[in-house]
N, C-alpha and C. Protein backbone atom coordinates (compact mmCIF):
# COMPACT_ATOMS: atom_id res chain seq x y z
N MET A 1 4.34 9.31 -12.11
CA MET A 1 4.83 9.43 -10.69
C MET A 1 3.90 8.73 -9.74
N HIS A 2 2.64 8.90 -9.88
CA HIS A 2 1.70 8.25 -9.05
C HIS A 2 1.65 6.70 -9.24
N LEU A 3 1.95 6.26 -10.34
CA LEU A 3 2.02 4.84 -10.73
C LEU A 3 3.14 4.18 -9.98
N ALA A 4 4.21 4.91 -9.91
CA ALA A 4 5.44 4.35 -9.12
C ALA A 4 5.11 4.28 -7.63
N GLY A 5 4.33 5.14 -7.08
CA GLY A 5 3.97 5.14 -5.73
C GLY A 5 3.03 3.89 -5.50
N MET A 6 2.17 3.76 -6.46
CA MET A 6 1.26 2.56 -6.31
C MET A 6 1.92 1.22 -6.46
N ALA A 7 2.94 1.13 -7.28
CA ALA A 7 3.70 -0.05 -7.41
C ALA A 7 4.43 -0.36 -6.15
N SER A 8 5.00 0.70 -5.48
CA SER A 8 5.73 0.38 -4.24
C SER A 8 4.75 0.00 -3.12
N GLY A 9 3.55 0.52 -3.17
CA GLY A 9 2.54 0.19 -2.22
C GLY A 9 2.08 -1.26 -2.37
N VAL A 10 1.97 -1.68 -3.58
CA VAL A 10 1.46 -3.05 -3.87
C VAL A 10 2.68 -3.98 -3.51
N PHE A 11 3.94 -3.57 -3.70
CA PHE A 11 5.04 -4.37 -3.37
C PHE A 11 5.11 -4.60 -1.78
N LEU A 12 4.90 -3.44 -1.08
CA LEU A 12 4.89 -3.54 0.39
C LEU A 12 3.86 -4.42 0.96
N ILE A 13 2.63 -4.34 0.29
CA ILE A 13 1.51 -5.18 0.85
C ILE A 13 1.82 -6.75 0.53
N ALA A 14 2.43 -6.88 -0.64
CA ALA A 14 2.80 -8.28 -1.01
C ALA A 14 3.82 -8.86 -0.13
N THR A 15 4.67 -8.02 0.45
CA THR A 15 5.78 -8.58 1.26
C THR A 15 5.35 -8.65 2.66
N MET A 16 4.45 -7.76 3.14
CA MET A 16 4.04 -7.71 4.51
C MET A 16 3.05 -8.73 4.92
N VAL A 17 2.08 -9.00 4.01
CA VAL A 17 1.06 -10.00 4.36
C VAL A 17 1.65 -11.41 4.59
N PRO A 18 2.57 -11.96 3.73
CA PRO A 18 3.10 -13.26 4.08
C PRO A 18 4.01 -13.14 5.32
N ALA A 19 4.73 -12.02 5.56
CA ALA A 19 5.56 -11.82 6.67
C ALA A 19 4.82 -11.96 7.98
N VAL A 20 3.62 -11.34 8.05
CA VAL A 20 2.79 -11.38 9.22
C VAL A 20 2.21 -12.80 9.39
N ALA A 21 1.89 -13.45 8.21
CA ALA A 21 1.24 -14.77 8.20
C ALA A 21 2.30 -15.77 8.75
N TYR A 22 3.44 -15.86 8.16
CA TYR A 22 4.33 -16.98 8.34
C TYR A 22 5.47 -16.69 9.31
N LEU A 23 5.84 -15.44 9.55
CA LEU A 23 6.94 -15.14 10.49
C LEU A 23 6.22 -14.29 11.59
N PRO A 24 5.54 -14.90 12.46
CA PRO A 24 4.75 -13.94 13.45
C PRO A 24 5.75 -13.15 14.31
N PRO A 25 5.76 -11.85 14.22
CA PRO A 25 6.54 -10.95 15.04
C PRO A 25 5.82 -10.80 16.38
N PRO A 26 6.47 -10.18 17.45
CA PRO A 26 5.78 -9.93 18.72
C PRO A 26 4.47 -9.12 18.46
N ASP A 27 3.59 -9.15 19.26
CA ASP A 27 2.24 -8.60 19.06
C ASP A 27 2.26 -7.12 18.71
N PRO A 28 3.04 -6.25 19.48
CA PRO A 28 2.99 -4.85 19.00
C PRO A 28 3.52 -4.61 17.59
N ALA A 29 4.54 -5.29 17.23
CA ALA A 29 5.00 -5.23 15.82
C ALA A 29 4.07 -5.70 14.83
N GLN A 30 3.32 -6.85 15.18
CA GLN A 30 2.32 -7.36 14.26
C GLN A 30 1.15 -6.41 14.05
N ALA A 31 0.74 -5.74 15.15
CA ALA A 31 -0.40 -4.78 15.05
C ALA A 31 0.04 -3.59 14.20
N LEU A 32 1.36 -3.13 14.28
CA LEU A 32 1.86 -2.11 13.47
C LEU A 32 1.92 -2.46 12.02
N LEU A 33 2.31 -3.71 11.71
CA LEU A 33 2.34 -4.14 10.32
C LEU A 33 1.03 -4.23 9.69
N ARG A 34 0.10 -4.69 10.47
CA ARG A 34 -1.26 -4.78 10.01
C ARG A 34 -1.86 -3.46 9.72
N ALA A 35 -1.68 -2.59 10.63
CA ALA A 35 -2.24 -1.21 10.37
C ALA A 35 -1.57 -0.44 9.23
N PHE A 36 -0.16 -0.65 9.07
CA PHE A 36 0.43 -0.08 7.87
C PHE A 36 -0.02 -0.75 6.59
N THR A 37 -0.27 -2.06 6.61
CA THR A 37 -0.83 -2.72 5.39
C THR A 37 -2.19 -2.22 5.13
N LEU A 38 -3.00 -2.08 6.00
CA LEU A 38 -4.34 -1.59 5.85
C LEU A 38 -4.36 -0.13 5.33
N THR A 39 -3.52 0.69 5.86
CA THR A 39 -3.37 2.12 5.50
C THR A 39 -2.92 2.17 3.97
N THR A 40 -1.93 1.39 3.67
CA THR A 40 -1.35 1.33 2.26
C THR A 40 -2.38 0.87 1.29
N LEU A 41 -3.22 -0.17 1.73
CA LEU A 41 -4.09 -0.72 0.87
C LEU A 41 -5.35 0.34 0.65
N LEU A 42 -5.71 1.08 1.66
CA LEU A 42 -6.75 2.11 1.47
C LEU A 42 -6.25 3.28 0.71
N CYS A 43 -4.98 3.50 0.60
CA CYS A 43 -4.46 4.64 -0.09
C CYS A 43 -4.36 4.41 -1.66
N LEU A 44 -4.28 3.10 -2.08
CA LEU A 44 -4.23 2.86 -3.47
C LEU A 44 -5.33 3.39 -4.30
N PRO A 45 -6.58 3.26 -3.90
CA PRO A 45 -7.65 3.87 -4.74
C PRO A 45 -7.47 5.42 -4.87
N LEU A 46 -7.07 6.07 -3.76
CA LEU A 46 -6.83 7.52 -3.77
C LEU A 46 -5.72 7.88 -4.73
N GLN A 47 -4.61 7.14 -4.72
CA GLN A 47 -3.52 7.42 -5.69
C GLN A 47 -4.00 7.16 -7.07
N ALA A 48 -4.81 6.24 -7.41
CA ALA A 48 -5.32 5.99 -8.71
C ALA A 48 -6.24 7.10 -9.20
N GLN A 49 -7.05 7.65 -8.22
CA GLN A 49 -7.86 8.72 -8.59
C GLN A 49 -7.04 10.02 -9.02
N ILE A 50 -6.01 10.27 -8.19
CA ILE A 50 -5.18 11.37 -8.49
C ILE A 50 -4.47 11.19 -9.86
N HIS A 51 -4.09 9.93 -10.07
CA HIS A 51 -3.38 9.65 -11.42
C HIS A 51 -4.32 9.98 -12.46
N ILE A 52 -5.61 9.55 -12.43
CA ILE A 52 -6.62 9.67 -13.47
C ILE A 52 -6.87 11.14 -13.70
N ARG A 53 -7.09 11.87 -12.59
CA ARG A 53 -7.30 13.31 -12.73
C ARG A 53 -6.20 14.04 -13.35
N THR A 54 -4.93 13.69 -13.04
CA THR A 54 -3.75 14.35 -13.62
C THR A 54 -3.61 14.07 -15.04
N ARG A 55 -3.91 12.83 -15.44
CA ARG A 55 -3.93 12.42 -16.86
C ARG A 55 -4.95 13.10 -17.64
N ARG A 56 -6.14 13.29 -17.12
CA ARG A 56 -7.24 14.04 -17.83
C ARG A 56 -6.95 15.44 -18.04
N SER A 57 -6.32 16.01 -17.06
CA SER A 57 -6.05 17.51 -17.10
C SER A 57 -4.85 17.78 -18.15
N ARG A 58 -4.04 16.87 -18.37
CA ARG A 58 -2.96 17.05 -19.41
C ARG A 58 -3.49 16.96 -20.91
N SER A 59 -4.56 16.15 -20.97
CA SER A 59 -5.05 15.99 -22.38
C SER A 59 -5.80 17.15 -22.85
């Protein structure tokens, strides 16, 4: 379950970074996209840690 969330997060980052770089939206929208990208990027290690803990507790 956590790996699916991580995959969608990586997909969102992979689509938002080029969108902000090559199709510059208005400034408020660009700031929101950057903040969302940063938040998603910072959540990936936390999701990985939860996944590792859940895998260890099942063994």
